[in-house]
Amino acid sequence: MQTILGGGGGAGTEITRELFNYTKEIRVVGRNPKKVNETDQLMQADISNPSMLDEAVKGSETVYVTVGFEYKIKVWKEKWPRFMKSLIESCKRHNSRIVFVDNVYMYDPEHLSNMTEVTPVKPVSEKGKVRAEIFRMLMNAVDRNEVRAIVARGADFYGPGVTGSFLTQSVLNNLLKNKNPQWLGKLDVIHNFTYNKDIGKAVALLGNTPDAFNQAWHLPTTDQKLTSRKWVEIMMREMNKEKKIQEVSSAMMGLLGLFIPILSELKDVSYQFERDYFFNSSKFNKRFNFTPVTPETGIKEMVKHAIIS
């Protein structure tokens, strides 16, 4: 049995889909879980509740964590450490392995221009401090031989079905409404994204590769060093739109946050959009001979899905 905690999101759905290539015994756990594969077993549960989480983990060989608590720092501080503590205890009790899908918030901002698995953990944001705390909790449990775990990190997600990203909310959605796309921070710095279907393939592969455990992996991400402006231009070209790109400075975020809620919370990590941001996944790509989807293909599929939906 392989279990998805928090299935249903842009990443969780793709991981569930790809796991079908390894096992037909898949349990999807969430508040309102839905089948991705015909044989998926659904379990409705609030995984922030320790007893419900324990029941979800029970019987699982591997547990994939794609949880997305509400994107508010107050919620993160309250729920993430408590969840990680319960997860470790349950997986230790049931001898279940952990594959934790993580982000880059805990990295030292001075090293964003070439992030690797050994980039220093030195967060400056409040959300980054939470991520650093739960990462250390998990790896300390690994060091104590309490659990076996993989930390699978991705850059900002994009792709069909990804709704929470800035690229979706302020670029794609604006263009669909024939409005000018907006970009947080500087347009002419490097930024790269991790395609959600690549995440699905990579996470499922890692979770079914025994010697991949007890270490961190960067999920496959394009190695093209495109600027933020170029990403927006690719999307406009795909949608046959010619619009002026509006830069959203930190000073503007507070005001716009009244209309675009994610901006209020993104301000905490807005430094990521002010400097070169390159997520290096060469360790994974070389180990598994994997070629990430190109930005042009990823954007094409993202737009296609949005228009059909």
C-alpha atoms as a PDB file:
ATOM      1  CA  MET A   1       0.000   0.000   0.000  1.00  0.00           C
ATOM      2  CA  GLN A   2       1.285   3.448  -0.934  1.00  0.00           C
ATOM      3  CA  THR A   3      -0.555   6.406   0.570  1.00  0.00           C
ATOM      4  CA  ILE A   4      -0.934  10.022  -0.580  1.00  0.00           C
ATOM      5  CA  LEU A   5      -1.551  12.505   2.203  1.00  0.00           C
ATOM      6  CA  GLY A   6      -3.169  15.605   0.749  1.00  0.00           C
ATOM      7  CA  GLY A   7      -4.016  14.136  -2.636  1.00  0.00           C
ATOM      8  CA  GLY A   8      -5.987  16.290  -5.042  1.00  0.00           C
ATOM      9  CA  GLY A   9      -3.679  19.239  -5.633  1.00  0.00           C
ATOM     10  CA  GLY A  10      -1.656  19.941  -8.746  1.00  0.00           C
ATOM     11  CA  ALA A  11       1.254  17.828  -7.459  1.00  0.00           C
ATOM     12  CA  GLY A  12      -0.674  15.223  -5.471  1.00  0.00           C
ATOM     13  CA  THR A  13      -2.889  14.309  -8.405  1.00  0.00           C
ATOM     14  CA  GLU A  14       0.082  13.724 -10.684  1.00  0.00           C
ATOM     15  CA  ILE A  15       1.930  11.673  -8.053  1.00  0.00           C
ATOM     16  CA  THR A  16      -1.164   9.503  -7.586  1.00  0.00           C
ATOM     17  CA  ARG A  17      -1.431   9.026 -11.350  1.00  0.00           C
ATOM     18  CA  GLU A  18       2.215   7.988 -11.691  1.00  0.00           C
ATOM     19  CA  LEU A  19       2.174   5.630  -8.693  1.00  0.00           C
ATOM     20  CA  PHE A  20      -0.211   3.422 -10.655  1.00  0.00           C
ATOM     21  CA  ASN A  21       2.839   2.353 -12.677  1.00  0.00           C
ATOM     22  CA  TYR A  22       4.307   0.798  -9.507  1.00  0.00           C
ATOM     23  CA  THR A  23       1.323  -0.462  -7.511  1.00  0.00           C
ATOM     24  CA  LYS A  24      -2.441  -0.840  -7.769  1.00  0.00           C
ATOM     25  CA  GLU A  25      -2.789  -0.419  -4.004  1.00  0.00           C
ATOM     26  CA  ILE A  26      -2.995   3.347  -3.595  1.00  0.00           C
ATOM     27  CA  ARG A  27      -4.740   5.156  -0.763  1.00  0.00           C
ATOM     28  CA  VAL A  28      -5.696   8.804  -1.314  1.00  0.00           C
ATOM     29  CA  VAL A  29      -6.275  10.723   1.907  1.00  0.00           C
ATOM     30  CA  GLY A  30      -7.774  14.174   2.321  1.00  0.00           C
ATOM     31  CA  ARG A  31     -10.842  16.143   3.351  1.00  0.00           C
ATOM     32  CA  ASN A  32     -12.513  15.439   0.005  1.00  0.00           C
ATOM     33  CA  PRO A  33     -10.394  12.821  -1.768  1.00  0.00           C
ATOM     34  CA  LYS A  34     -11.137  11.878  -5.358  1.00  0.00           C
ATOM     35  CA  LYS A  35     -10.018   8.968  -7.460  1.00  0.00           C
ATOM     36  CA  VAL A  36      -7.305   9.499 -10.029  1.00  0.00           C
ATOM     37  CA  ASN A  37      -6.970   5.813 -10.902  1.00  0.00           C
ATOM     38  CA  GLU A  38      -9.963   3.472 -10.943  1.00  0.00           C
ATOM     39  CA  THR A  39      -8.586   1.265  -8.155  1.00  0.00           C
ATOM     40  CA  ASP A  40      -7.645   4.100  -5.768  1.00  0.00           C
ATOM     41  CA  GLN A  41      -8.873   3.664  -2.201  1.00  0.00           C
ATOM     42  CA  LEU A  42     -10.299   6.881  -0.756  1.00  0.00           C
ATOM     43  CA  MET A  43     -10.071   7.896   2.889  1.00  0.00           C
ATOM     44  CA  GLN A  44     -11.711  11.065   4.122  1.00  0.00           C
ATOM     45  CA  ALA A  45      -9.717  12.495   6.999  1.00  0.00           C
ATOM     46  CA  ASP A  46      -8.404  15.653   8.600  1.00  0.00           C
ATOM     47  CA  ILE A  47      -4.725  14.797   8.627  1.00  0.00           C
ATOM     48  CA  SER A  48      -3.964  17.574  11.090  1.00  0.00           C
ATOM     49  CA  ASN A  49      -5.773  15.319  13.601  1.00  0.00           C
ATOM     50  CA  PRO A  50      -3.147  12.867  14.994  1.00  0.00           C
ATOM     51  CA  SER A  51      -5.564   9.941  15.371  1.00  0.00           C
ATOM     52  CA  MET A  52      -6.915  10.358  11.829  1.00  0.00           C
ATOM     53  CA  LEU A  53      -3.379  10.714  10.506  1.00  0.00           C
ATOM     54  CA  ASP A  54      -2.345   7.511  12.278  1.00  0.00           C
ATOM     55  CA  GLU A  55      -5.253   5.630  10.738  1.00  0.00           C
ATOM     56  CA  ALA A  56      -4.270   6.963   7.294  1.00  0.00           C
ATOM     57  CA  VAL A  57      -0.670   5.824   7.719  1.00  0.00           C
ATOM     58  CA  LYS A  58      -1.561   2.392   9.091  1.00  0.00           C
ATOM     59  CA  GLY A  59      -0.711  -0.383   6.634  1.00  0.00           C
ATOM     60  CA  SER A  60       1.285   1.894   4.326  1.00  0.00           C
ATOM     61  CA  GLU A  61       4.661   0.860   2.959  1.00  0.00           C
ATOM     62  CA  THR A  62       5.327   4.431   1.799  1.00  0.00           C
ATOM     63  CA  VAL A  63       3.578   7.687   2.676  1.00  0.00           C
ATOM     64  CA  TYR A  64       3.777  10.623   0.253  1.00  0.00           C
ATOM     65  CA  VAL A  65       3.248  14.008   1.876  1.00  0.00           C
ATOM     66  CA  THR A  66       1.780  16.615  -0.465  1.00  0.00           C
ATOM     67  CA  VAL A  67      -0.077  18.496   2.252  1.00  0.00           C
ATOM     68  CA  GLY A  68      -0.933  22.134   1.617  1.00  0.00           C
ATOM     69  CA  PHE A  69      -2.072  23.855   4.777  1.00  0.00           C
ATOM     70  CA  GLU A  70      -3.650  27.271   4.302  1.00  0.00           C
ATOM     71  CA  TYR A  71      -1.008  29.689   3.006  1.00  0.00           C
ATOM     72  CA  LYS A  72      -0.915  31.878   6.104  1.00  0.00           C
ATOM     73  CA  ILE A  73       2.054  32.130   8.443  1.00  0.00           C
ATOM     74  CA  LYS A  74      -0.137  31.875  11.546  1.00  0.00           C
ATOM     75  CA  VAL A  75      -1.592  28.595  10.263  1.00  0.00           C
ATOM     76  CA  TRP A  76       1.842  27.278   9.281  1.00  0.00           C
ATOM     77  CA  LYS A  77       3.340  27.957  12.710  1.00  0.00           C
ATOM     78  CA  GLU A  78       0.449  26.216  14.377  1.00  0.00           C
ATOM     79  CA  LYS A  79      -0.040  23.200  12.118  1.00  0.00           C
ATOM     80  CA  TRP A  80       3.206  22.221  10.403  1.00  0.00           C
ATOM     81  CA  PRO A  81       5.397  21.289  13.424  1.00  0.00           C
ATOM     82  CA  ARG A  82       2.499  19.459  15.077  1.00  0.00           C
ATOM     83  CA  PHE A  83       1.750  17.588  11.854  1.00  0.00           C
ATOM     84  CA  MET A  84       5.394  16.587  11.327  1.00  0.00           C
ATOM     85  CA  LYS A  85       5.673  15.297  14.899  1.00  0.00           C
ATOM     86  CA  SER A  86       2.557  13.157  14.435  1.00  0.00           C
ATOM     87  CA  LEU A  87       3.702  11.967  11.003  1.00  0.00           C
ATOM     88  CA  ILE A  88       7.061  10.788  12.332  1.00  0.00           C
ATOM     89  CA  GLU A  89       5.430   9.025  15.276  1.00  0.00           C
ATOM     90  CA  SER A  90       2.891   7.249  13.068  1.00  0.00           C
ATOM     91  CA  CYS A  91       5.418   6.210  10.424  1.00  0.00           C
ATOM     92  CA  LYS A  92       7.753   4.920  13.124  1.00  0.00           C
ATOM     93  CA  ARG A  93       4.876   2.951  14.681  1.00  0.00           C
ATOM     94  CA  HIS A  94       3.765   1.417  11.387  1.00  0.00           C
ATOM     95  CA  ASN A  95       7.219   1.074   9.802  1.00  0.00           C
ATOM     96  CA  SER A  96       6.220   3.323   6.896  1.00  0.00           C
ATOM     97  CA  ARG A  97       8.667   5.258   4.748  1.00  0.00           C
ATOM     98  CA  ILE A  98       8.160   8.970   4.131  1.00  0.00           C
ATOM     99  CA  VAL A  99       8.467  10.923   0.890  1.00  0.00           C
ATOM    100  CA  PHE A 100       8.056  14.584   1.833  1.00  0.00           C
ATOM    101  CA  VAL A 101       7.429  17.066  -0.985  1.00  0.00           C
ATOM    102  CA  ASP A 102       9.160  20.268   0.097  1.00  0.00           C
ATOM    103  CA  ASN A 103       9.971  23.752  -1.197  1.00  0.00           C
ATOM    104  CA  VAL A 104      12.982  26.113  -1.126  1.00  0.00           C
ATOM    105  CA  TYR A 105      11.893  28.583   1.543  1.00  0.00           C
ATOM    106  CA  MET A 106      14.518  27.392   4.047  1.00  0.00           C
ATOM    107  CA  TYR A 107      17.471  28.114   1.760  1.00  0.00           C
ATOM    108  CA  ASP A 108      19.894  30.979   2.339  1.00  0.00           C
ATOM    109  CA  PRO A 109      18.777  33.801  -0.003  1.00  0.00           C
ATOM    110  CA  GLU A 110      22.411  34.487  -0.900  1.00  0.00           C
ATOM    111  CA  HIS A 111      22.536  31.129  -2.688  1.00  0.00           C
ATOM    112  CA  LEU A 112      19.362  31.310  -4.777  1.00  0.00           C
ATOM    113  CA  SER A 113      21.272  31.751  -8.032  1.00  0.00           C
ATOM    114  CA  ASN A 114      22.276  28.062  -7.999  1.00  0.00           C
ATOM    115  CA  MET A 115      20.306  26.038  -5.465  1.00  0.00           C
ATOM    116  CA  THR A 116      21.427  22.443  -4.941  1.00  0.00           C
ATOM    117  CA  GLU A 117      20.718  19.797  -2.320  1.00  0.00           C
ATOM    118  CA  VAL A 118      23.633  21.141  -0.223  1.00  0.00           C
ATOM    119  CA  THR A 119      22.609  24.809  -0.307  1.00  0.00           C
ATOM    120  CA  PRO A 120      22.810  26.180   3.270  1.00  0.00           C
ATOM    121  CA  VAL A 121      19.613  26.120   5.308  1.00  0.00           C
ATOM    122  CA  LYS A 122      19.428  29.695   6.562  1.00  0.00           C
ATOM    123  CA  PRO A 123      15.913  31.131   6.158  1.00  0.00           C
ATOM    124  CA  VAL A 124      15.124  34.828   6.505  1.00  0.00           C
ATOM    125  CA  SER A 125      11.340  34.618   6.092  1.00  0.00           C
ATOM    126  CA  GLU A 126       8.862  33.429   8.701  1.00  0.00           C
ATOM    127  CA  LYS A 127       7.543  30.727   6.378  1.00  0.00           C
ATOM    128  CA  GLY A 128      11.109  29.667   5.659  1.00  0.00           C
ATOM    129  CA  LYS A 129      11.775  29.251   9.370  1.00  0.00           C
ATOM    130  CA  VAL A 130       8.788  26.931   9.658  1.00  0.00           C
ATOM    131  CA  ARG A 131      10.008  24.849   6.716  1.00  0.00           C
ATOM    132  CA  ALA A 132      13.507  24.661   8.194  1.00  0.00           C
ATOM    133  CA  GLU A 133      12.082  23.491  11.514  1.00  0.00           C
ATOM    134  CA  ILE A 134      10.052  20.640  10.051  1.00  0.00           C
ATOM    135  CA  PHE A 135      12.892  19.613   7.721  1.00  0.00           C
ATOM    136  CA  ARG A 136      15.217  19.298  10.710  1.00  0.00           C
ATOM    137  CA  MET A 137      12.587  17.373  12.643  1.00  0.00           C
ATOM    138  CA  LEU A 138      12.358  14.839   9.827  1.00  0.00           C
ATOM    139  CA  MET A 139      16.100  14.476   9.235  1.00  0.00           C
ATOM    140  CA  ASN A 140      16.777  14.175  12.972  1.00  0.00           C
ATOM    141  CA  ALA A 141      14.326  11.262  13.012  1.00  0.00           C
ATOM    142  CA  VAL A 142      16.224   9.735  10.077  1.00  0.00           C
ATOM    143  CA  ASP A 143      19.536  10.168  11.927  1.00  0.00           C
ATOM    144  CA  ARG A 144      18.040   8.387  14.948  1.00  0.00           C
ATOM    145  CA  ASN A 145      16.967   5.521  12.630  1.00  0.00           C
ATOM    146  CA  GLU A 146      13.327   6.082  13.561  1.00  0.00           C
ATOM    147  CA  VAL A 147      12.142   6.417   9.972  1.00  0.00           C
ATOM    148  CA  ARG A 148      13.411   6.246   6.413  1.00  0.00           C
ATOM    149  CA  ALA A 149      12.635   9.360   4.413  1.00  0.00           C
ATOM    150  CA  ILE A 150      13.157  11.333   1.229  1.00  0.00           C
ATOM    151  CA  VAL A 151      12.901  15.101   1.034  1.00  0.00           C
ATOM    152  CA  ALA A 152      11.842  15.900  -2.530  1.00  0.00           C
ATOM    153  CA  ARG A 153      12.130  19.628  -3.183  1.00  0.00           C
ATOM    154  CA  GLY A 154      10.665  21.562  -6.047  1.00  0.00           C
ATOM    155  CA  ALA A 155      10.901  25.141  -7.244  1.00  0.00           C
ATOM    156  CA  ASP A 156       7.689  27.094  -7.779  1.00  0.00           C
ATOM    157  CA  PHE A 157       5.160  24.711  -9.344  1.00  0.00           C
ATOM    158  CA  TYR A 158       3.463  25.294 -12.690  1.00  0.00           C
ATOM    159  CA  GLY A 159       1.457  23.234 -15.107  1.00  0.00           C
ATOM    160  CA  PRO A 160      -2.103  22.059 -15.833  1.00  0.00           C
ATOM    161  CA  GLY A 161      -4.256  22.100 -12.712  1.00  0.00           C
ATOM    162  CA  VAL A 162      -1.845  24.127 -10.579  1.00  0.00           C
ATOM    163  CA  THR A 163      -4.028  26.890  -9.157  1.00  0.00           C
ATOM    164  CA  GLY A 164      -2.075  28.359  -6.255  1.00  0.00           C
ATOM    165  CA  SER A 165       1.008  29.642  -8.049  1.00  0.00           C
ATOM    166  CA  PHE A 166       1.679  33.288  -8.827  1.00  0.00           C
ATOM    167  CA  LEU A 167       2.223  32.338 -12.474  1.00  0.00           C
ATOM    168  CA  THR A 168      -1.351  31.037 -12.566  1.00  0.00           C
ATOM    169  CA  GLN A 169      -3.101  33.651 -10.464  1.00  0.00           C
ATOM    170  CA  SER A 170      -1.577  36.852 -11.801  1.00  0.00           C
ATOM    171  CA  VAL A 171      -0.361  35.917 -15.271  1.00  0.00           C
ATOM    172  CA  LEU A 172      -2.530  33.142 -16.726  1.00  0.00           C
ATOM    173  CA  ASN A 173      -5.778  34.211 -15.044  1.00  0.00           C
ATOM    174  CA  ASN A 174      -5.271  37.859 -16.005  1.00  0.00           C
ATOM    175  CA  LEU A 175      -4.623  36.942 -19.629  1.00  0.00           C
ATOM    176  CA  LEU A 176      -7.735  34.754 -19.688  1.00  0.00           C
ATOM    177  CA  LYS A 177      -9.664  37.887 -18.665  1.00  0.00           C
ATOM    178  CA  ASN A 178      -7.821  39.916 -21.335  1.00  0.00           C
ATOM    179  CA  LYS A 179      -6.065  41.913 -18.613  1.00  0.00           C
ATOM    180  CA  ASN A 180      -2.398  42.829 -18.316  1.00  0.00           C
ATOM    181  CA  PRO A 181      -0.316  40.124 -16.635  1.00  0.00           C
ATOM    182  CA  GLN A 182       1.286  41.060 -13.329  1.00  0.00           C
ATOM    183  CA  TRP A 183       4.621  39.885 -11.981  1.00  0.00           C
ATOM    184  CA  LEU A 184       5.855  40.044  -8.431  1.00  0.00           C
ATOM    185  CA  GLY A 185       9.332  41.580  -8.242  1.00  0.00           C
ATOM    186  CA  LYS A 186      11.851  42.117 -11.006  1.00  0.00           C
ATOM    187  CA  LEU A 187      11.170  40.968 -14.541  1.00  0.00           C
ATOM    188  CA  ASP A 188      14.747  40.694 -15.740  1.00  0.00           C
ATOM    189  CA  VAL A 189      16.162  38.248 -13.222  1.00  0.00           C
ATOM    190  CA  ILE A 190      16.377  34.485 -13.770  1.00  0.00           C
ATOM    191  CA  HIS A 191      13.535  32.354 -12.442  1.00  0.00           C
ATOM    192  CA  ASN A 192      12.678  28.731 -13.078  1.00  0.00           C
ATOM    193  CA  PHE A 193       9.708  26.510 -12.314  1.00  0.00           C
ATOM    194  CA  THR A 194       9.046  22.812 -11.714  1.00  0.00           C
ATOM    195  CA  TYR A 195       6.402  21.249 -13.986  1.00  0.00           C
ATOM    196  CA  ASN A 196       3.778  19.350 -12.006  1.00  0.00           C
ATOM    197  CA  LYS A 197       3.702  16.315 -14.309  1.00  0.00           C
ATOM    198  CA  ASP A 198       7.479  16.011 -13.940  1.00  0.00           C
ATOM    199  CA  ILE A 199       6.933  16.168 -10.178  1.00  0.00           C
ATOM    200  CA  GLY A 200       4.530  13.248 -10.396  1.00  0.00           C
ATOM    201  CA  LYS A 201       6.939  11.088 -12.365  1.00  0.00           C
ATOM    202  CA  ALA A 202       9.927  11.988 -10.213  1.00  0.00           C
ATOM    203  CA  VAL A 203       8.308  11.570  -6.800  1.00  0.00           C
ATOM    204  CA  ALA A 204       6.781   8.205  -7.723  1.00  0.00           C
ATOM    205  CA  LEU A 205      10.171   7.074  -9.030  1.00  0.00           C
ATOM    206  CA  LEU A 206      12.007   8.215  -5.913  1.00  0.00           C
ATOM    207  CA  GLY A 207       9.511   6.541  -3.600  1.00  0.00           C
ATOM    208  CA  ASN A 208      10.047   3.239  -5.390  1.00  0.00           C
ATOM    209  CA  THR A 209      13.850   3.435  -5.489  1.00  0.00           C
ATOM    210  CA  PRO A 210      15.165   1.970  -2.202  1.00  0.00           C
ATOM    211  CA  ASP A 211      18.629   3.554  -2.361  1.00  0.00           C
ATOM    212  CA  ALA A 212      17.129   7.030  -2.866  1.00  0.00           C
ATOM    213  CA  PHE A 213      16.027   7.260   0.764  1.00  0.00           C
ATOM    214  CA  ASN A 214      17.536   9.185   3.666  1.00  0.00           C
ATOM    215  CA  GLN A 215      18.602  12.149   1.547  1.00  0.00           C
ATOM    216  CA  ALA A 216      17.259  15.214  -0.217  1.00  0.00           C
ATOM    217  CA  TRP A 217      16.568  15.390  -3.948  1.00  0.00           C
ATOM    218  CA  HIS A 218      15.759  18.323  -6.184  1.00  0.00           C
ATOM    219  CA  LEU A 219      12.867  17.420  -8.466  1.00  0.00           C
ATOM    220  CA  PRO A 220      13.524  17.783 -12.221  1.00  0.00           C
ATOM    221  CA  THR A 221      13.346  21.407 -13.300  1.00  0.00           C
ATOM    222  CA  THR A 222      14.236  23.074 -16.568  1.00  0.00           C
ATOM    223  CA  ASP A 223      17.910  24.003 -16.796  1.00  0.00           C
ATOM    224  CA  GLN A 224      17.106  26.897 -19.135  1.00  0.00           C
ATOM    225  CA  LYS A 225      18.004  30.157 -17.423  1.00  0.00           C
ATOM    226  CA  LEU A 226      14.999  32.187 -18.484  1.00  0.00           C
ATOM    227  CA  THR A 227      14.089  35.527 -16.984  1.00  0.00           C
ATOM    228  CA  SER A 228      10.696  36.115 -15.394  1.00  0.00           C
ATOM    229  CA  ARG A 229       9.874  38.359 -18.344  1.00  0.00           C
ATOM    230  CA  LYS A 230      10.580  35.506 -20.753  1.00  0.00           C
ATOM    231  CA  TRP A 231       8.192  33.154 -18.910  1.00  0.00           C
ATOM    232  CA  VAL A 232       5.397  35.704 -19.191  1.00  0.00           C
ATOM    233  CA  GLU A 233       6.193  36.324 -22.865  1.00  0.00           C
ATOM    234  CA  ILE A 234       6.036  32.583 -23.602  1.00  0.00           C
ATOM    235  CA  MET A 235       2.584  32.468 -22.054  1.00  0.00           C
ATOM    236  CA  MET A 236       1.400  35.547 -23.951  1.00  0.00           C
ATOM    237  CA  ARG A 237       2.669  34.085 -27.212  1.00  0.00           C
ATOM    238  CA  GLU A 238       0.910  30.786 -26.521  1.00  0.00           C
ATOM    239  CA  MET A 239      -2.333  32.691 -25.892  1.00  0.00           C
ATOM    240  CA  ASN A 240      -1.858  35.093 -28.820  1.00  0.00           C
ATOM    241  CA  LYS A 241      -1.889  38.064 -26.461  1.00  0.00           C
ATOM    242  CA  GLU A 242       0.200  41.216 -26.537  1.00  0.00           C
ATOM    243  CA  LYS A 243      -0.055  42.948 -23.192  1.00  0.00           C
ATOM    244  CA  LYS A 244       2.033  45.203 -21.020  1.00  0.00           C
ATOM    245  CA  ILE A 245       3.592  43.296 -18.134  1.00  0.00           C
ATOM    246  CA  GLN A 246       3.011  45.059 -14.840  1.00  0.00           C
ATOM    247  CA  GLU A 247       5.732  44.775 -12.217  1.00  0.00           C
ATOM    248  CA  VAL A 248       4.410  44.500  -8.677  1.00  0.00           C
ATOM    249  CA  SER A 249       6.916  45.969  -6.232  1.00  0.00           C
ATOM    250  CA  SER A 250       7.057  45.096  -2.547  1.00  0.00           C
ATOM    251  CA  ALA A 251       5.548  48.502  -1.813  1.00  0.00           C
ATOM    252  CA  MET A 252       2.527  47.699  -3.989  1.00  0.00           C
ATOM    253  CA  MET A 253       1.953  44.254  -2.513  1.00  0.00           C
ATOM    254  CA  GLY A 254       0.151  45.432   0.604  1.00  0.00           C
ATOM    255  CA  LEU A 255      -2.453  47.344  -1.382  1.00  0.00           C
ATOM    256  CA  LEU A 256      -2.928  44.711  -4.079  1.00  0.00           C
ATOM    257  CA  GLY A 257      -3.156  42.059  -1.384  1.00  0.00           C
ATOM    258  CA  LEU A 258      -6.631  43.389  -0.607  1.00  0.00           C
ATOM    259  CA  PHE A 259      -7.739  42.117  -4.024  1.00  0.00           C
ATOM    260  CA  ILE A 260      -5.264  39.254  -4.580  1.00  0.00           C
ATOM    261  CA  PRO A 261      -4.999  37.462  -1.208  1.00  0.00           C
ATOM    262  CA  ILE A 262      -1.904  35.445  -2.110  1.00  0.00           C
ATOM    263  CA  LEU A 263       0.113  38.673  -2.431  1.00  0.00           C
ATOM    264  CA  SER A 264      -0.281  39.478   1.251  1.00  0.00           C
ATOM    265  CA  GLU A 265       1.296  36.153   2.201  1.00  0.00           C
ATOM    266  CA  LEU A 266       3.866  36.144  -0.607  1.00  0.00           C
ATOM    267  CA  LYS A 267       5.367  39.355   0.721  1.00  0.00           C
ATOM    268  CA  ASP A 268       7.169  37.261   3.359  1.00  0.00           C
ATOM    269  CA  VAL A 269       9.100  35.425   0.629  1.00  0.00           C
ATOM    270  CA  SER A 270       9.147  38.172  -2.016  1.00  0.00           C
ATOM    271  CA  TYR A 271      12.966  38.266  -1.917  1.00  0.00           C
ATOM    272  CA  GLN A 272      12.843  35.216  -4.209  1.00  0.00           C
ATOM    273  CA  PHE A 273      11.496  37.404  -7.003  1.00  0.00           C
ATOM    274  CA  GLU A 274      14.072  40.168  -6.582  1.00  0.00           C
ATOM    275  CA  ARG A 275      17.201  38.197  -7.553  1.00  0.00           C
ATOM    276  CA  ASP A 276      18.320  35.355  -9.786  1.00  0.00           C
ATOM    277  CA  TYR A 277      16.508  32.152  -8.775  1.00  0.00           C
ATOM    278  CA  PHE A 278      17.883  28.993 -10.352  1.00  0.00           C
ATOM    279  CA  PHE A 279      16.855  25.596  -9.024  1.00  0.00           C
ATOM    280  CA  ASN A 280      19.500  23.028  -9.986  1.00  0.00           C
ATOM    281  CA  SER A 281      18.174  19.478 -10.401  1.00  0.00           C
ATOM    282  CA  SER A 282      21.232  17.927 -12.046  1.00  0.00           C
ATOM    283  CA  LYS A 283      21.612  15.319  -9.267  1.00  0.00           C
ATOM    284  CA  PHE A 284      18.225  13.793 -10.094  1.00  0.00           C
ATOM    285  CA  ASN A 285      18.488  14.258 -13.856  1.00  0.00           C
ATOM    286  CA  LYS A 286      21.856  12.476 -13.999  1.00  0.00           C
ATOM    287  CA  ARG A 287      20.913   9.690 -11.585  1.00  0.00           C
ATOM    288  CA  PHE A 288      17.720   8.823 -13.470  1.00  0.00           C
ATOM    289  CA  ASN A 289      18.644  10.048 -16.970  1.00  0.00           C
ATOM    290  CA  PHE A 290      15.656  12.389 -16.850  1.00  0.00           C
ATOM    291  CA  THR A 291      14.952  15.319 -19.157  1.00  0.00           C
ATOM    292  CA  PRO A 292      12.518  17.882 -17.713  1.00  0.00           C
ATOM    293  CA  VAL A 293       9.699  19.286 -19.833  1.00  0.00           C
ATOM    294  CA  THR A 294      10.681  22.465 -21.686  1.00  0.00           C
ATOM    295  CA  PRO A 295       9.091  25.770 -20.605  1.00  0.00           C
ATOM    296  CA  GLU A 296       7.332  26.065 -23.973  1.00  0.00           C
ATOM    297  CA  THR A 297       5.716  22.630 -23.633  1.00  0.00           C
ATOM    298  CA  GLY A 298       4.817  23.187 -19.998  1.00  0.00           C
ATOM    299  CA  ILE A 299       3.168  26.532 -20.685  1.00  0.00           C
ATOM    300  CA  LYS A 300       1.328  25.089 -23.694  1.00  0.00           C
ATOM    301  CA  GLU A 301      -0.199  22.327 -21.567  1.00  0.00           C
ATOM    302  CA  MET A 302      -0.988  24.779 -18.763  1.00  0.00           C
ATOM    303  CA  VAL A 303      -2.877  27.104 -21.114  1.00  0.00           C
ATOM    304  CA  LYS A 304      -4.654  24.229 -22.859  1.00  0.00           C
ATOM    305  CA  HIS A 305      -5.941  22.899 -19.536  1.00  0.00           C
ATOM    306  CA  ALA A 306      -7.091  26.332 -18.397  1.00  0.00           C
ATOM    307  CA  ILE A 307      -9.036  26.980 -21.611  1.00  0.00           C
ATOM    308  CA  ILE A 308     -10.722  23.551 -21.550  1.00  0.00           C
ATOM    309  CA  SER A 309     -11.611  23.953 -17.890  1.00  0.00           C
END
